[in-house]
């Protein structure tokens, strides 16, 4: 993050070159190799009492490192943690495929 204006709800952040986890799942069917990194991120978030938005468009891989680029943070809830919600979108699960369908990115 470079700057934030809370009054105007604006964030200026640095561009990180790389593929999103969403793109990796689309291409490879899974982002399994990044699960150890996201699990560590999720554990750190849990210990801080927050959840991040674990949807795969919010994570960019650059030089084999995972970056959270969304900045959404919510009070921790088991329902919305990575293992109970986020992981369903980190491979081509029925939930991932339904999202593609809902967004018009998947033809029946």
C-alpha atoms as a PDB file:
ATOM      1  CA  UNK A   1       0.000   0.000   0.000  1.00  0.00           C
ATOM      2  CA  UNK A   2       1.311   3.410  -0.935  1.00  0.00           C
ATOM      3  CA  UNK A   3      -1.411   5.632   0.507  1.00  0.00           C
ATOM      4  CA  UNK A   4      -4.915   5.540   1.946  1.00  0.00           C
ATOM      5  CA  UNK A   5      -7.667   8.156   2.206  1.00  0.00           C
ATOM      6  CA  UNK A   6     -10.226   6.843   4.679  1.00  0.00           C
ATOM      7  CA  UNK A   7     -12.639   9.734   4.165  1.00  0.00           C
ATOM      8  CA  UNK A   8     -12.868   9.132   0.419  1.00  0.00           C
ATOM      9  CA  UNK A   9     -12.395   5.345   0.750  1.00  0.00           C
ATOM     10  CA  UNK A  10      -9.435   5.284  -1.641  1.00  0.00           C
ATOM     11  CA  UNK A  11      -6.354   3.104  -1.583  1.00  0.00           C
ATOM     12  CA  UNK A  12      -3.296   3.587  -3.748  1.00  0.00           C
ATOM     13  CA  UNK A  13      -1.242   0.446  -4.033  1.00  0.00           C
ATOM     14  CA  UNK A  14       1.746  -0.754  -5.980  1.00  0.00           C
ATOM     15  CA  UNK A  15       1.117  -2.981  -8.994  1.00  0.00           C
ATOM     16  CA  UNK A  16       2.490  -6.493  -8.519  1.00  0.00           C
ATOM     17  CA  UNK A  17       3.339  -8.273 -11.756  1.00  0.00           C
ATOM     18  CA  UNK A  18       2.094 -11.854 -11.841  1.00  0.00           C
ATOM     19  CA  UNK A  19      -0.788 -14.240 -12.266  1.00  0.00           C
ATOM     20  CA  UNK A  20      -3.733 -14.354  -9.910  1.00  0.00           C
ATOM     21  CA  UNK A  21      -4.602 -17.607  -8.204  1.00  0.00           C
ATOM     22  CA  UNK A  22      -7.836 -17.477 -10.217  1.00  0.00           C
ATOM     23  CA  UNK A  23      -5.833 -17.499 -13.468  1.00  0.00           C
ATOM     24  CA  UNK A  24      -3.690 -20.367 -12.203  1.00  0.00           C
ATOM     25  CA  UNK A  25      -6.778 -22.411 -11.326  1.00  0.00           C
ATOM     26  CA  UNK A  26      -8.255 -21.689 -14.748  1.00  0.00           C
ATOM     27  CA  UNK A  27      -5.051 -22.832 -16.460  1.00  0.00           C
ATOM     28  CA  UNK A  28      -3.950 -25.713 -14.224  1.00  0.00           C
ATOM     29  CA  UNK A  29      -7.142 -26.749 -12.454  1.00  0.00           C
ATOM     30  CA  UNK A  30      -5.652 -26.141  -9.019  1.00  0.00           C
ATOM     31  CA  UNK A  31      -3.421 -23.811  -7.040  1.00  0.00           C
ATOM     32  CA  UNK A  32      -2.275 -26.600  -4.746  1.00  0.00           C
ATOM     33  CA  UNK A  33       1.356 -25.556  -4.725  1.00  0.00           C
ATOM     34  CA  UNK A  34       0.344 -22.259  -3.055  1.00  0.00           C
ATOM     35  CA  UNK A  35      -1.744 -23.872  -0.303  1.00  0.00           C
ATOM     36  CA  UNK A  36       1.103 -23.842   2.259  1.00  0.00           C
ATOM     37  CA  UNK A  37       1.530 -20.087   1.732  1.00  0.00           C
ATOM     38  CA  UNK A  38      -2.186 -19.268   1.953  1.00  0.00           C
ATOM     39  CA  UNK A  39      -2.571 -21.485   5.009  1.00  0.00           C
ATOM     40  CA  UNK A  40       0.226 -19.539   6.738  1.00  0.00           C
ATOM     41  CA  UNK A  41      -1.405 -16.243   5.721  1.00  0.00           C
ATOM     42  CA  UNK A  42      -4.783 -17.507   6.990  1.00  0.00           C
ATOM     43  CA  UNK A  43      -3.264 -18.638  10.294  1.00  0.00           C
ATOM     44  CA  UNK A  44      -1.617 -15.243  10.797  1.00  0.00           C
ATOM     45  CA  UNK A  45      -4.950 -13.563  10.033  1.00  0.00           C
ATOM     46  CA  UNK A  46      -6.784 -15.849  12.493  1.00  0.00           C
ATOM     47  CA  UNK A  47      -4.243 -15.078  15.204  1.00  0.00           C
ATOM     48  CA  UNK A  48      -4.867 -11.374  14.567  1.00  0.00           C
ATOM     49  CA  UNK A  49      -8.635 -11.958  14.871  1.00  0.00           C
ATOM     50  CA  UNK A  50      -9.490 -11.290  11.230  1.00  0.00           C
ATOM     51  CA  UNK A  51     -10.473 -12.991   8.005  1.00  0.00           C
ATOM     52  CA  UNK A  52      -9.240 -11.890   4.627  1.00  0.00           C
ATOM     53  CA  UNK A  53     -11.186 -12.294   1.406  1.00  0.00           C
ATOM     54  CA  UNK A  54      -9.866 -15.659   0.265  1.00  0.00           C
ATOM     55  CA  UNK A  55     -11.363 -15.499  -3.228  1.00  0.00           C
ATOM     56  CA  UNK A  56      -8.553 -16.336  -5.707  1.00  0.00           C
ATOM     57  CA  UNK A  57      -8.702 -13.088  -7.689  1.00  0.00           C
ATOM     58  CA  UNK A  58      -7.389 -11.366  -4.558  1.00  0.00           C
ATOM     59  CA  UNK A  59      -4.020 -13.149  -4.624  1.00  0.00           C
ATOM     60  CA  UNK A  60      -1.171 -12.566  -7.059  1.00  0.00           C
ATOM     61  CA  UNK A  61       1.841 -14.823  -7.430  1.00  0.00           C
ATOM     62  CA  UNK A  62       5.103 -13.048  -8.164  1.00  0.00           C
ATOM     63  CA  UNK A  63       8.432 -14.877  -8.088  1.00  0.00           C
ATOM     64  CA  UNK A  64       6.685 -17.852  -6.423  1.00  0.00           C
ATOM     65  CA  UNK A  65       5.436 -15.687  -3.541  1.00  0.00           C
ATOM     66  CA  UNK A  66       1.780 -15.096  -2.795  1.00  0.00           C
ATOM     67  CA  UNK A  67       0.560 -11.514  -2.289  1.00  0.00           C
ATOM     68  CA  UNK A  68      -2.850 -10.456  -0.954  1.00  0.00           C
ATOM     69  CA  UNK A  69      -3.853  -7.472  -3.072  1.00  0.00           C
ATOM     70  CA  UNK A  70      -7.411  -6.802  -1.912  1.00  0.00           C
ATOM     71  CA  UNK A  71      -7.079  -5.264   1.587  1.00  0.00           C
ATOM     72  CA  UNK A  72     -10.538  -6.465   2.670  1.00  0.00           C
ATOM     73  CA  UNK A  73     -10.361  -7.496   6.316  1.00  0.00           C
ATOM     74  CA  UNK A  74     -13.273  -8.649   8.479  1.00  0.00           C
ATOM     75  CA  UNK A  75     -13.659  -9.811  12.050  1.00  0.00           C
ATOM     76  CA  UNK A  76     -12.670 -13.467  12.301  1.00  0.00           C
ATOM     77  CA  UNK A  77     -15.400 -16.035  11.802  1.00  0.00           C
ATOM     78  CA  UNK A  78     -14.966 -19.785  11.376  1.00  0.00           C
ATOM     79  CA  UNK A  79     -17.658 -19.680   8.683  1.00  0.00           C
ATOM     80  CA  UNK A  80     -15.580 -17.365   6.467  1.00  0.00           C
ATOM     81  CA  UNK A  81     -12.062 -18.664   7.155  1.00  0.00           C
ATOM     82  CA  UNK A  82      -9.916 -20.239   4.454  1.00  0.00           C
ATOM     83  CA  UNK A  83     -10.686 -23.876   5.286  1.00  0.00           C
ATOM     84  CA  UNK A  84     -14.447 -23.390   5.532  1.00  0.00           C
ATOM     85  CA  UNK A  85     -14.968 -20.969   2.655  1.00  0.00           C
ATOM     86  CA  UNK A  86     -11.924 -19.886   0.672  1.00  0.00           C
ATOM     87  CA  UNK A  87     -10.456 -23.252  -0.250  1.00  0.00           C
ATOM     88  CA  UNK A  88     -13.505 -24.141  -2.345  1.00  0.00           C
ATOM     89  CA  UNK A  89     -12.306 -21.621  -4.948  1.00  0.00           C
ATOM     90  CA  UNK A  90      -8.633 -22.634  -5.094  1.00  0.00           C
ATOM     91  CA  UNK A  91      -9.280 -25.513  -7.517  1.00  0.00           C
ATOM     92  CA  UNK A  92     -11.925 -26.356 -10.096  1.00  0.00           C
ATOM     93  CA  UNK A  93     -14.492 -27.425  -7.534  1.00  0.00           C
ATOM     94  CA  UNK A  94     -18.250 -27.289  -8.150  1.00  0.00           C
ATOM     95  CA  UNK A  95     -18.283 -23.893  -6.363  1.00  0.00           C
ATOM     96  CA  UNK A  96     -15.545 -22.547  -8.657  1.00  0.00           C
ATOM     97  CA  UNK A  97     -17.331 -23.833 -11.751  1.00  0.00           C
ATOM     98  CA  UNK A  98     -20.643 -22.357 -10.547  1.00  0.00           C
ATOM     99  CA  UNK A  99     -18.931 -18.989 -10.111  1.00  0.00           C
ATOM    100  CA  UNK A 100     -17.725 -19.184 -13.732  1.00  0.00           C
ATOM    101  CA  UNK A 101     -21.232 -20.015 -14.862  1.00  0.00           C
ATOM    102  CA  UNK A 102     -22.772 -17.199 -12.800  1.00  0.00           C
ATOM    103  CA  UNK A 103     -20.307 -14.704 -14.290  1.00  0.00           C
ATOM    104  CA  UNK A 104     -20.973 -15.886 -17.842  1.00  0.00           C
ATOM    105  CA  UNK A 105     -17.432 -17.243 -18.203  1.00  0.00           C
ATOM    106  CA  UNK A 106     -18.575 -20.823 -18.661  1.00  0.00           C
ATOM    107  CA  UNK A 107     -20.870 -22.086 -21.366  1.00  0.00           C
ATOM    108  CA  UNK A 108     -23.137 -25.010 -20.526  1.00  0.00           C
END
